[in-house]
């Protein structure tokens, strides 16, 4: 791909605006600037990071850490948690408790706190 579409630029900009993580926000902002300047590597990285949402597998959500819906990051985890909470509520599970844990993987503790 030789450039980002206006729709992709809007999608990336919206992601940057909602990302609470300074590191991934700065990383994606730099990639977007480089992509707008025609950097083919930056364009390819953005296209890969926005290639689609992560889906739950047998081990839950798994992907490389980084910005965008196809990577593991705070926005993806927050959206997944909100979706799970909405499903519980919609299916009448409103009086129980939910336990959120974490392990030794990178950012697991940050994701759990979010």
PDB file of N, CA and C in Angstrom:
ATOM      1  N   UNK A   1       0.849  -1.168   0.000  1.00  0.00           N
ATOM      2  CA  UNK A   1       0.000   0.000   0.000  1.00  0.00           C
ATOM      3  C   UNK A   1       0.898   1.237   0.000  1.00  0.00           C
ATOM      4  N   UNK A   2       0.513   2.243  -0.756  1.00  0.00           N
ATOM      5  CA  UNK A   2       1.352   3.435  -0.881  1.00  0.00           C
ATOM      6  C   UNK A   2       0.924   4.584   0.022  1.00  0.00           C
ATOM      7  N   UNK A   3      -0.286   4.540   0.539  1.00  0.00           N
ATOM      8  CA  UNK A   3      -0.740   5.583   1.462  1.00  0.00           C
ATOM      9  C   UNK A   3      -1.919   5.057   2.279  1.00  0.00           C
ATOM     10  N   UNK A   4      -2.207   5.754   3.350  1.00  0.00           N
ATOM     11  CA  UNK A   4      -3.368   5.414   4.169  1.00  0.00           C
ATOM     12  C   UNK A   4      -4.598   6.093   3.594  1.00  0.00           C
ATOM     13  N   UNK A   5      -5.724   5.421   3.653  1.00  0.00           N
ATOM     14  CA  UNK A   5      -6.975   6.031   3.211  1.00  0.00           C
ATOM     15  C   UNK A   5      -7.421   7.065   4.243  1.00  0.00           C
ATOM     16  N   UNK A   6      -8.231   8.036   3.836  1.00  0.00           N
ATOM     17  CA  UNK A   6      -8.766   8.992   4.813  1.00  0.00           C
ATOM     18  C   UNK A   6      -9.522   8.291   5.948  1.00  0.00           C
ATOM     19  N   UNK A   7     -10.231   7.219   5.617  1.00  0.00           N
ATOM     20  CA  UNK A   7     -10.958   6.466   6.643  1.00  0.00           C
ATOM     21  C   UNK A   7      -9.988   5.857   7.657  1.00  0.00           C
ATOM     22  N   UNK A   8      -8.870   5.307   7.171  1.00  0.00           N
ATOM     23  CA  UNK A   8      -7.887   4.710   8.082  1.00  0.00           C
ATOM     24  C   UNK A   8      -7.254   5.796   8.958  1.00  0.00           C
ATOM     25  N   UNK A   9      -6.959   6.946   8.370  1.00  0.00           N
ATOM     26  CA  UNK A   9      -6.397   8.053   9.149  1.00  0.00           C
ATOM     27  C   UNK A   9      -7.363   8.459  10.258  1.00  0.00           C
ATOM     28  N   UNK A  10      -8.651   8.544   9.932  1.00  0.00           N
ATOM     29  CA  UNK A  10      -9.663   8.878  10.946  1.00  0.00           C
ATOM     30  C   UNK A  10      -9.711   7.819  12.046  1.00  0.00           C
ATOM     31  N   UNK A  11      -9.627   6.548  11.645  1.00  0.00           N
ATOM     32  CA  UNK A  11      -9.662   5.444  12.608  1.00  0.00           C
ATOM     33  C   UNK A  11      -8.448   5.499  13.545  1.00  0.00           C
ATOM     34  N   UNK A  12      -7.286   5.745  12.973  1.00  0.00           N
ATOM     35  CA  UNK A  12      -6.060   5.827  13.772  1.00  0.00           C
ATOM     36  C   UNK A  12      -6.122   7.033  14.714  1.00  0.00           C
ATOM     37  N   UNK A  13      -6.587   8.164  14.205  1.00  0.00           N
ATOM     38  CA  UNK A  13      -6.700   9.372  15.024  1.00  0.00           C
ATOM     39  C   UNK A  13      -7.667   9.155  16.187  1.00  0.00           C
ATOM     40  N   UNK A  14      -8.790   8.509  15.921  1.00  0.00           N
ATOM     41  CA  UNK A  14      -9.756   8.212  16.987  1.00  0.00           C
ATOM     42  C   UNK A  14      -9.133   7.291  18.032  1.00  0.00           C
ATOM     43  N   UNK A  15      -8.338   6.319  17.582  1.00  0.00           N
ATOM     44  CA  UNK A  15      -7.675   5.407  18.517  1.00  0.00           C
ATOM     45  C   UNK A  15      -6.714   6.184  19.417  1.00  0.00           C
ATOM     46  N   UNK A  16      -5.923   7.058  18.811  1.00  0.00           N
ATOM     47  CA  UNK A  16      -4.974   7.874  19.572  1.00  0.00           C
ATOM     48  C   UNK A  16      -5.716   8.697  20.623  1.00  0.00           C
ATOM     49  N   UNK A  17      -6.837   9.272  20.234  1.00  0.00           N
ATOM     50  CA  UNK A  17      -7.615  10.122  21.142  1.00  0.00           C
ATOM     51  C   UNK A  17      -8.157   9.365  22.350  1.00  0.00           C
ATOM     52  N   UNK A  18      -8.433   8.069  22.203  1.00  0.00           N
ATOM     53  CA  UNK A  18      -9.009   7.323  23.320  1.00  0.00           C
ATOM     54  C   UNK A  18      -7.993   6.466  24.064  1.00  0.00           C
ATOM     55  N   UNK A  19      -6.764   6.402  23.587  1.00  0.00           N
ATOM     56  CA  UNK A  19      -5.761   5.544  24.214  1.00  0.00           C
ATOM     57  C   UNK A  19      -5.245   6.175  25.510  1.00  0.00           C
ATOM     58  N   UNK A  20      -5.450   5.513  26.666  1.00  0.00           N
ATOM     59  CA  UNK A  20      -4.982   6.072  27.934  1.00  0.00           C
ATOM     60  C   UNK A  20      -3.489   5.842  28.190  1.00  0.00           C
ATOM     61  N   UNK A  21      -2.846   5.054  27.333  1.00  0.00           N
ATOM     62  CA  UNK A  21      -1.445   4.703  27.545  1.00  0.00           C
ATOM     63  C   UNK A  21      -0.535   5.657  26.764  1.00  0.00           C
ATOM     64  N   UNK A  22       0.265   6.400  27.488  1.00  0.00           N
ATOM     65  CA  UNK A  22       1.137   7.396  26.866  1.00  0.00           C
ATOM     66  C   UNK A  22       2.104   6.773  25.861  1.00  0.00           C
ATOM     67  N   UNK A  23       2.617   5.589  26.167  1.00  0.00           N
ATOM     68  CA  UNK A  23       3.605   4.946  25.306  1.00  0.00           C
ATOM     69  C   UNK A  23       3.004   4.523  23.971  1.00  0.00           C
ATOM     70  N   UNK A  24       1.889   3.800  23.996  1.00  0.00           N
ATOM     71  CA  UNK A  24       1.299   3.352  22.730  1.00  0.00           C
ATOM     72  C   UNK A  24       0.687   4.520  21.962  1.00  0.00           C
ATOM     73  N   UNK A  25       0.194   5.511  22.685  1.00  0.00           N
ATOM     74  CA  UNK A  25      -0.341   6.710  22.024  1.00  0.00           C
ATOM     75  C   UNK A  25       0.775   7.437  21.262  1.00  0.00           C
ATOM     76  N   UNK A  26       1.928   7.599  21.897  1.00  0.00           N
ATOM     77  CA  UNK A  26       3.067   8.262  21.251  1.00  0.00           C
ATOM     78  C   UNK A  26       3.595   7.433  20.080  1.00  0.00           C
ATOM     79  N   UNK A  27       3.646   6.116  20.262  1.00  0.00           N
ATOM     80  CA  UNK A  27       4.119   5.226  19.193  1.00  0.00           C
ATOM     81  C   UNK A  27       3.232   5.346  17.960  1.00  0.00           C
ATOM     82  N   UNK A  28       1.927   5.292  18.174  1.00  0.00           N
ATOM     83  CA  UNK A  28       1.002   5.362  17.048  1.00  0.00           C
ATOM     84  C   UNK A  28       0.997   6.756  16.423  1.00  0.00           C
ATOM     85  N   UNK A  29       1.127   7.790  17.227  1.00  0.00           N
ATOM     86  CA  UNK A  29       1.190   9.156  16.691  1.00  0.00           C
ATOM     87  C   UNK A  29       2.400   9.320  15.780  1.00  0.00           C
ATOM     88  N   UNK A  30       3.541   8.793  16.208  1.00  0.00           N
ATOM     89  CA  UNK A  30       4.752   8.864  15.388  1.00  0.00           C
ATOM     90  C   UNK A  30       4.588   8.062  14.098  1.00  0.00           C
ATOM     91  N   UNK A  31       3.975   6.893  14.198  1.00  0.00           N
ATOM     92  CA  UNK A  31       3.738   6.086  12.998  1.00  0.00           C
ATOM     93  C   UNK A  31       2.819   6.806  12.028  1.00  0.00           C
ATOM     94  N   UNK A  32       1.781   7.455  12.557  1.00  0.00           N
ATOM     95  CA  UNK A  32       0.843   8.172  11.701  1.00  0.00           C
ATOM     96  C   UNK A  32       1.537   9.323  10.982  1.00  0.00           C
ATOM     97  N   UNK A  33       2.359  10.073  11.690  1.00  0.00           N
ATOM     98  CA  UNK A  33       3.107  11.168  11.046  1.00  0.00           C
ATOM     99  C   UNK A  33       4.003  10.627   9.935  1.00  0.00           C
ATOM    100  N   UNK A  34       4.711   9.539  10.226  1.00  0.00           N
ATOM    101  CA  UNK A  34       5.593   8.937   9.224  1.00  0.00           C
ATOM    102  C   UNK A  34       4.794   8.415   8.033  1.00  0.00           C
ATOM    103  N   UNK A  35       3.649   7.811   8.304  1.00  0.00           N
ATOM    104  CA  UNK A  35       2.806   7.283   7.222  1.00  0.00           C
ATOM    105  C   UNK A  35       2.277   8.412   6.344  1.00  0.00           C
ATOM    106  N   UNK A  36       1.878   9.511   6.969  1.00  0.00           N
ATOM    107  CA  UNK A  36       1.396  10.664   6.195  1.00  0.00           C
ATOM    108  C   UNK A  36       2.501  11.247   5.321  1.00  0.00           C
ATOM    109  N   UNK A  37       3.765  11.071   5.760  1.00  0.00           N
ATOM    110  CA  UNK A  37       4.913  11.522   4.968  1.00  0.00           C
ATOM    111  C   UNK A  37       5.326  10.500   3.917  1.00  0.00           C
ATOM    112  N   UNK A  38       4.580   9.390   3.838  1.00  0.00           N
ATOM    113  CA  UNK A  38       4.828   8.390   2.802  1.00  0.00           C
ATOM    114  C   UNK A  38       5.755   7.257   3.178  1.00  0.00           C
ATOM    115  N   UNK A  39       6.099   7.110   4.444  1.00  0.00           N
ATOM    116  CA  UNK A  39       6.979   6.026   4.888  1.00  0.00           C
ATOM    117  C   UNK A  39       6.262   4.686   4.720  1.00  0.00           C
ATOM    118  N   UNK A  40       6.736   3.836   3.802  1.00  0.00           N
ATOM    119  CA  UNK A  40       6.031   2.571   3.550  1.00  0.00           C
ATOM    120  C   UNK A  40       6.037   1.619   4.744  1.00  0.00           C
ATOM    121  N   UNK A  41       7.102   1.640   5.552  1.00  0.00           N
ATOM    122  CA  UNK A  41       7.134   0.772   6.735  1.00  0.00           C
ATOM    123  C   UNK A  41       6.083   1.199   7.754  1.00  0.00           C
ATOM    124  N   UNK A  42       5.925   2.505   7.942  1.00  0.00           N
ATOM    125  CA  UNK A  42       4.913   3.014   8.876  1.00  0.00           C
ATOM    126  C   UNK A  42       3.513   2.672   8.379  1.00  0.00           C
ATOM    127  N   UNK A  43       3.298   2.800   7.087  1.00  0.00           N
ATOM    128  CA  UNK A  43       1.994   2.452   6.501  1.00  0.00           C
ATOM    129  C   UNK A  43       1.697   0.979   6.741  1.00  0.00           C
ATOM    130  N   UNK A  44       2.685   0.125   6.474  1.00  0.00           N
ATOM    131  CA  UNK A  44       2.492  -1.317   6.672  1.00  0.00           C
ATOM    132  C   UNK A  44       2.226  -1.657   8.137  1.00  0.00           C
ATOM    133  N   UNK A  45       2.949  -1.007   9.060  1.00  0.00           N
ATOM    134  CA  UNK A  45       2.731  -1.269  10.490  1.00  0.00           C
ATOM    135  C   UNK A  45       1.312  -0.886  10.898  1.00  0.00           C
ATOM    136  N   UNK A  46       0.869   0.283  10.453  1.00  0.00           N
ATOM    137  CA  UNK A  46      -0.485   0.721  10.803  1.00  0.00           C
ATOM    138  C   UNK A  46      -1.522  -0.229  10.218  1.00  0.00           C
ATOM    139  N   UNK A  47      -1.348  -0.617   8.971  1.00  0.00           N
ATOM    140  CA  UNK A  47      -2.310  -1.540   8.360  1.00  0.00           C
ATOM    141  C   UNK A  47      -2.356  -2.861   9.123  1.00  0.00           C
ATOM    142  N   UNK A  48      -1.211  -3.346   9.587  1.00  0.00           N
ATOM    143  CA  UNK A  48      -1.191  -4.591  10.366  1.00  0.00           C
ATOM    144  C   UNK A  48      -1.855  -4.396  11.727  1.00  0.00           C
ATOM    145  N   UNK A  49      -1.609  -3.268  12.363  1.00  0.00           N
ATOM    146  CA  UNK A  49      -2.172  -3.006  13.685  1.00  0.00           C
ATOM    147  C   UNK A  49      -3.679  -2.775  13.636  1.00  0.00           C
ATOM    148  N   UNK A  50      -4.185  -2.388  12.473  1.00  0.00           N
ATOM    149  CA  UNK A  50      -5.618  -2.123  12.315  1.00  0.00           C
ATOM    150  C   UNK A  50      -6.267  -3.133  11.362  1.00  0.00           C
ATOM    151  N   UNK A  51      -5.688  -4.329  11.281  1.00  0.00           N
ATOM    152  CA  UNK A  51      -6.185  -5.350  10.352  1.00  0.00           C
ATOM    153  C   UNK A  51      -7.457  -6.030  10.833  1.00  0.00           C
ATOM    154  N   UNK A  52      -7.869  -5.778  12.044  1.00  0.00           N
ATOM    155  CA  UNK A  52      -9.104  -6.362  12.561  1.00  0.00           C
ATOM    156  C   UNK A  52      -9.020  -6.499  14.059  1.00  0.00           C
ATOM    157  N   UNK A  53     -10.140  -6.724  14.698  1.00  0.00           N
ATOM    158  CA  UNK A  53     -10.121  -6.852  16.157  1.00  0.00           C
ATOM    159  C   UNK A  53      -9.583  -8.210  16.598  1.00  0.00           C
ATOM    160  N   UNK A  54      -8.996  -8.227  17.782  1.00  0.00           N
ATOM    161  CA  UNK A  54      -8.607  -9.502  18.380  1.00  0.00           C
ATOM    162  C   UNK A  54      -9.865 -10.270  18.748  1.00  0.00           C
ATOM    163  N   UNK A  55      -9.784 -11.565  18.708  1.00  0.00           N
ATOM    164  CA  UNK A  55     -10.900 -12.400  19.135  1.00  0.00           C
ATOM    165  C   UNK A  55     -10.416 -13.332  20.241  1.00  0.00           C
ATOM    166  N   UNK A  56     -11.354 -13.775  21.060  1.00  0.00           N
ATOM    167  CA  UNK A  56     -11.019 -14.704  22.129  1.00  0.00           C
ATOM    168  C   UNK A  56     -10.699 -16.063  21.538  1.00  0.00           C
ATOM    169  N   UNK A  57      -9.602 -16.629  21.991  1.00  0.00           N
ATOM    170  CA  UNK A  57      -9.240 -17.991  21.642  1.00  0.00           C
ATOM    171  C   UNK A  57      -9.266 -18.837  22.899  1.00  0.00           C
ATOM    172  N   UNK A  58      -8.693 -20.014  22.835  1.00  0.00           N
ATOM    173  CA  UNK A  58      -8.698 -20.897  23.997  1.00  0.00           C
ATOM    174  C   UNK A  58      -7.892 -20.321  25.157  1.00  0.00           C
ATOM    175  N   UNK A  59      -6.969 -19.415  24.868  1.00  0.00           N
ATOM    176  CA  UNK A  59      -6.163 -18.787  25.920  1.00  0.00           C
ATOM    177  C   UNK A  59      -6.574 -17.332  26.153  1.00  0.00           C
ATOM    178  N   UNK A  60      -7.760 -16.966  25.713  1.00  0.00           N
ATOM    179  CA  UNK A  60      -8.217 -15.585  25.880  1.00  0.00           C
ATOM    180  C   UNK A  60      -7.724 -14.700  24.757  1.00  0.00           C
ATOM    181  N   UNK A  61      -7.476 -13.445  25.054  1.00  0.00           N
ATOM    182  CA  UNK A  61      -6.945 -12.502  24.073  1.00  0.00           C
ATOM    183  C   UNK A  61      -5.428 -12.630  24.047  1.00  0.00           C
ATOM    184  N   UNK A  62      -4.875 -12.839  22.866  1.00  0.00           N
ATOM    185  CA  UNK A  62      -3.424 -12.968  22.729  1.00  0.00           C
ATOM    186  C   UNK A  62      -2.984 -12.245  21.469  1.00  0.00           C
ATOM    187  N   UNK A  63      -1.941 -11.445  21.591  1.00  0.00           N
ATOM    188  CA  UNK A  63      -1.328 -10.780  20.441  1.00  0.00           C
ATOM    189  C   UNK A  63      -0.070 -10.075  20.930  1.00  0.00           C
ATOM    190  N   UNK A  64       0.706  -9.594  19.986  1.00  0.00           N
ATOM    191  CA  UNK A  64       1.857  -8.768  20.333  1.00  0.00           C
ATOM    192  C   UNK A  64       1.364  -7.482  20.990  1.00  0.00           C
ATOM    193  N   UNK A  65       2.144  -6.943  21.908  1.00  0.00           N
ATOM    194  CA  UNK A  65       1.810  -5.661  22.522  1.00  0.00           C
ATOM    195  C   UNK A  65       2.015  -4.545  21.506  1.00  0.00           C
ATOM    196  N   UNK A  66       1.114  -3.573  21.517  1.00  0.00           N
ATOM    197  CA  UNK A  66       1.249  -2.429  20.626  1.00  0.00           C
ATOM    198  C   UNK A  66      -0.085  -1.751  20.437  1.00  0.00           C
ATOM    199  N   UNK A  67      -0.083  -0.628  19.737  1.00  0.00           N
ATOM    200  CA  UNK A  67      -1.332   0.100  19.517  1.00  0.00           C
ATOM    201  C   UNK A  67      -2.199  -0.544  18.444  1.00  0.00           C
ATOM    202  N   UNK A  68      -3.493  -0.252  18.498  1.00  0.00           N
ATOM    203  CA  UNK A  68      -4.423  -0.709  17.470  1.00  0.00           C
ATOM    204  C   UNK A  68      -5.243  -1.908  17.898  1.00  0.00           C
ATOM    205  N   UNK A  69      -6.352  -2.138  17.208  1.00  0.00           N
ATOM    206  CA  UNK A  69      -7.273  -3.213  17.586  1.00  0.00           C
ATOM    207  C   UNK A  69      -6.751  -4.621  17.329  1.00  0.00           C
ATOM    208  N   UNK A  70      -5.675  -4.772  16.567  1.00  0.00           N
ATOM    209  CA  UNK A  70      -5.121  -6.098  16.308  1.00  0.00           C
ATOM    210  C   UNK A  70      -3.912  -6.394  17.195  1.00  0.00           C
ATOM    211  N   UNK A  71      -3.719  -5.595  18.230  1.00  0.00           N
ATOM    212  CA  UNK A  71      -2.623  -5.778  19.173  1.00  0.00           C
ATOM    213  C   UNK A  71      -3.171  -5.784  20.595  1.00  0.00           C
ATOM    214  N   UNK A  72      -2.378  -6.268  21.523  1.00  0.00           N
ATOM    215  CA  UNK A  72      -2.754  -6.263  22.936  1.00  0.00           C
ATOM    216  C   UNK A  72      -2.396  -4.906  23.514  1.00  0.00           C
ATOM    217  N   UNK A  73      -3.380  -4.237  24.090  1.00  0.00           N
ATOM    218  CA  UNK A  73      -3.153  -2.924  24.684  1.00  0.00           C
ATOM    219  C   UNK A  73      -4.321  -2.582  25.596  1.00  0.00           C
ATOM    220  N   UNK A  74      -4.220  -1.461  26.254  1.00  0.00           N
ATOM    221  CA  UNK A  74      -5.228  -1.084  27.243  1.00  0.00           C
ATOM    222  C   UNK A  74      -6.596  -0.837  26.616  1.00  0.00           C
ATOM    223  N   UNK A  75      -6.654  -0.269  25.439  1.00  0.00           N
ATOM    224  CA  UNK A  75      -7.950  -0.013  24.796  1.00  0.00           C
ATOM    225  C   UNK A  75      -8.644  -1.335  24.483  1.00  0.00           C
ATOM    226  N   UNK A  76      -7.917  -2.289  23.927  1.00  0.00           N
ATOM    227  CA  UNK A  76      -8.501  -3.596  23.595  1.00  0.00           C
ATOM    228  C   UNK A  76      -9.028  -4.275  24.857  1.00  0.00           C
ATOM    229  N   UNK A  77      -8.247  -4.250  25.927  1.00  0.00           N
ATOM    230  CA  UNK A  77      -8.671  -4.900  27.171  1.00  0.00           C
ATOM    231  C   UNK A  77      -9.888  -4.190  27.759  1.00  0.00           C
ATOM    232  N   UNK A  78      -9.902  -2.871  27.738  1.00  0.00           N
ATOM    233  CA  UNK A  78     -11.055  -2.131  28.256  1.00  0.00           C
ATOM    234  C   UNK A  78     -12.312  -2.448  27.455  1.00  0.00           C
ATOM    235  N   UNK A  79     -12.183  -2.522  26.140  1.00  0.00           N
ATOM    236  CA  UNK A  79     -13.346  -2.850  25.302  1.00  0.00           C
ATOM    237  C   UNK A  79     -13.838  -4.268  25.575  1.00  0.00           C
ATOM    238  N   UNK A  80     -12.906  -5.202  25.724  1.00  0.00           N
ATOM    239  CA  UNK A  80     -13.295  -6.589  26.006  1.00  0.00           C
ATOM    240  C   UNK A  80     -13.999  -6.682  27.357  1.00  0.00           C
ATOM    241  N   UNK A  81     -13.475  -5.995  28.357  1.00  0.00           N
ATOM    242  CA  UNK A  81     -14.098  -6.012  29.685  1.00  0.00           C
ATOM    243  C   UNK A  81     -15.489  -5.390  29.644  1.00  0.00           C
ATOM    244  N   UNK A  82     -15.629  -4.290  28.911  1.00  0.00           N
ATOM    245  CA  UNK A  82     -16.944  -3.646  28.790  1.00  0.00           C
ATOM    246  C   UNK A  82     -17.927  -4.564  28.074  1.00  0.00           C
ATOM    247  N   UNK A  83     -17.462  -5.253  27.047  1.00  0.00           N
ATOM    248  CA  UNK A  83     -18.324  -6.193  26.330  1.00  0.00           C
ATOM    249  C   UNK A  83     -18.755  -7.353  27.209  1.00  0.00           C
ATOM    250  N   UNK A  84     -17.828  -7.874  27.987  1.00  0.00           N
ATOM    251  CA  UNK A  84     -18.155  -8.969  28.895  1.00  0.00           C
ATOM    252  C   UNK A  84     -19.153  -8.508  29.951  1.00  0.00           C
ATOM    253  N   UNK A  85     -18.940  -7.323  30.502  1.00  0.00           N
ATOM    254  CA  UNK A  85     -19.871  -6.778  31.500  1.00  0.00           C
ATOM    255  C   UNK A  85     -21.257  -6.564  30.896  1.00  0.00           C
ATOM    256  N   UNK A  86     -21.313  -6.058  29.672  1.00  0.00           N
ATOM    257  CA  UNK A  86     -22.607  -5.849  29.003  1.00  0.00           C
ATOM    258  C   UNK A  86     -23.312  -7.183  28.782  1.00  0.00           C
ATOM    259  N   UNK A  87     -22.551  -8.212  28.395  1.00  0.00           N
ATOM    260  CA  UNK A  87     -23.146  -9.537  28.186  1.00  0.00           C
ATOM    261  C   UNK A  87     -23.706 -10.077  29.503  1.00  0.00           C
ATOM    262  N   UNK A  88     -22.928  -9.966  30.572  1.00  0.00           N
ATOM    263  CA  UNK A  88     -23.406 -10.430  31.876  1.00  0.00           C
ATOM    264  C   UNK A  88     -24.699  -9.721  32.262  1.00  0.00           C
ATOM    265  N   UNK A  89     -24.718  -8.422  32.114  1.00  0.00           N
ATOM    266  CA  UNK A  89     -25.895  -7.634  32.479  1.00  0.00           C
ATOM    267  C   UNK A  89     -27.093  -8.010  31.608  1.00  0.00           C
ATOM    268  N   UNK A  90     -26.883  -8.122  30.303  1.00  0.00           N
ATOM    269  CA  UNK A  90     -27.974  -8.446  29.375  1.00  0.00           C
ATOM    270  C   UNK A  90     -28.546  -9.834  29.617  1.00  0.00           C
ATOM    271  N   UNK A  91     -27.748 -10.712  30.207  1.00  0.00           N
ATOM    272  CA  UNK A  91     -28.194 -12.077  30.467  1.00  0.00           C
ATOM    273  C   UNK A  91     -28.588 -12.304  31.920  1.00  0.00           C
ATOM    274  N   UNK A  92     -28.876 -11.219  32.624  1.00  0.00           N
ATOM    275  CA  UNK A  92     -29.427 -11.323  33.967  1.00  0.00           C
ATOM    276  C   UNK A  92     -28.437 -11.593  35.076  1.00  0.00           C
ATOM    277  N   UNK A  93     -27.168 -11.521  34.794  1.00  0.00           N
ATOM    278  CA  UNK A  93     -26.154 -11.780  35.828  1.00  0.00           C
ATOM    279  C   UNK A  93     -25.745 -10.451  36.467  1.00  0.00           C
ATOM    280  N   UNK A  94     -26.637  -9.905  37.282  1.00  0.00           N
ATOM    281  CA  UNK A  94     -26.396  -8.569  37.838  1.00  0.00           C
ATOM    282  C   UNK A  94     -26.085  -8.574  39.328  1.00  0.00           C
ATOM    283  N   UNK A  95     -26.236  -9.696  39.997  1.00  0.00           N
ATOM    284  CA  UNK A  95     -26.039  -9.722  41.449  1.00  0.00           C
ATOM    285  C   UNK A  95     -24.771 -10.437  41.886  1.00  0.00           C
ATOM    286  N   UNK A  96     -23.989 -10.915  40.953  1.00  0.00           N
ATOM    287  CA  UNK A  96     -22.793 -11.669  41.311  1.00  0.00           C
ATOM    288  C   UNK A  96     -21.552 -10.801  41.372  1.00  0.00           C
ATOM    289  N   UNK A  97     -20.440 -11.454  41.491  1.00  0.00           N
ATOM    290  CA  UNK A  97     -19.138 -10.786  41.527  1.00  0.00           C
ATOM    291  C   UNK A  97     -18.286 -11.292  40.378  1.00  0.00           C
ATOM    292  N   UNK A  98     -17.309 -10.515  40.025  1.00  0.00           N
ATOM    293  CA  UNK A  98     -16.344 -10.898  38.999  1.00  0.00           C
ATOM    294  C   UNK A  98     -14.956 -10.738  39.589  1.00  0.00           C
ATOM    295  N   UNK A  99     -14.115 -11.723  39.385  1.00  0.00           N
ATOM    296  CA  UNK A  99     -12.734 -11.658  39.850  1.00  0.00           C
ATOM    297  C   UNK A  99     -11.852 -11.379  38.644  1.00  0.00           C
ATOM    298  N   UNK A 100     -11.004 -10.378  38.764  1.00  0.00           N
ATOM    299  CA  UNK A 100     -10.052 -10.043  37.707  1.00  0.00           C
ATOM    300  C   UNK A 100      -8.661 -10.314  38.258  1.00  0.00           C
ATOM    301  N   UNK A 101      -7.928 -11.162  37.582  1.00  0.00           N
ATOM    302  CA  UNK A 101      -6.583 -11.497  38.022  1.00  0.00           C
ATOM    303  C   UNK A 101      -5.556 -11.118  36.976  1.00  0.00           C
ATOM    304  N   UNK A 102      -4.289 -11.318  37.326  1.00  0.00           N
ATOM    305  CA  UNK A 102      -3.223 -11.080  36.363  1.00  0.00           C
ATOM    306  C   UNK A 102      -2.072 -12.013  36.664  1.00  0.00           C
ATOM    307  N   UNK A 103      -1.147 -12.102  35.710  1.00  0.00           N
ATOM    308  CA  UNK A 103      -0.010 -12.992  35.858  1.00  0.00           C
ATOM    309  C   UNK A 103       1.269 -12.220  35.534  1.00  0.00           C
ATOM    310  N   UNK A 104       2.309 -12.920  35.158  1.00  0.00           N
ATOM    311  CA  UNK A 104       3.615 -12.292  34.949  1.00  0.00           C
ATOM    312  C   UNK A 104       3.821 -11.735  33.543  1.00  0.00           C
ATOM    313  N   UNK A 105       2.842 -11.874  32.662  1.00  0.00           N
ATOM    314  CA  UNK A 105       3.020 -11.353  31.305  1.00  0.00           C
ATOM    315  C   UNK A 105       3.103  -9.827  31.312  1.00  0.00           C
ATOM    316  N   UNK A 106       3.761  -9.289  30.299  1.00  0.00           N
ATOM    317  CA  UNK A 106       3.930  -7.838  30.184  1.00  0.00           C
ATOM    318  C   UNK A 106       2.586  -7.119  30.250  1.00  0.00           C
ATOM    319  N   UNK A 107       2.493  -6.136  31.119  1.00  0.00           N
ATOM    320  CA  UNK A 107       1.319  -5.271  31.295  1.00  0.00           C
ATOM    321  C   UNK A 107       0.094  -5.978  31.859  1.00  0.00           C
ATOM    322  N   UNK A 108       0.210  -7.222  32.254  1.00  0.00           N
ATOM    323  CA  UNK A 108      -0.944  -7.938  32.792  1.00  0.00           C
ATOM    324  C   UNK A 108      -1.533  -7.209  33.996  1.00  0.00           C
ATOM    325  N   UNK A 109      -0.672  -6.687  34.864  1.00  0.00           N
ATOM    326  CA  UNK A 109      -1.164  -5.961  36.038  1.00  0.00           C
ATOM    327  C   UNK A 109      -1.864  -4.662  35.641  1.00  0.00           C
ATOM    328  N   UNK A 110      -1.339  -3.978  34.642  1.00  0.00           N
ATOM    329  CA  UNK A 110      -1.956  -2.732  34.158  1.00  0.00           C
ATOM    330  C   UNK A 110      -3.321  -3.034  33.554  1.00  0.00           C
ATOM    331  N   UNK A 111      -3.389  -4.079  32.732  1.00  0.00           N
ATOM    332  CA  UNK A 111      -4.662  -4.454  32.108  1.00  0.00           C
ATOM    333  C   UNK A 111      -5.696  -4.805  33.175  1.00  0.00           C
ATOM    334  N   UNK A 112      -5.288  -5.521  34.213  1.00  0.00           N
ATOM    335  CA  UNK A 112      -6.219  -5.915  35.274  1.00  0.00           C
ATOM    336  C   UNK A 112      -6.747  -4.699  36.026  1.00  0.00           C
ATOM    337  N   UNK A 113      -5.909  -3.727  36.255  1.00  0.00           N
ATOM    338  CA  UNK A 113      -6.345  -2.524  36.979  1.00  0.00           C
ATOM    339  C   UNK A 113      -7.312  -1.683  36.154  1.00  0.00           C
ATOM    340  N   UNK A 114      -7.109  -1.675  34.846  1.00  0.00           N
ATOM    341  CA  UNK A 114      -8.025  -0.916  33.975  1.00  0.00           C
ATOM    342  C   UNK A 114      -9.413  -1.500  34.043  1.00  0.00           C
TER     343      UNK A 114
END
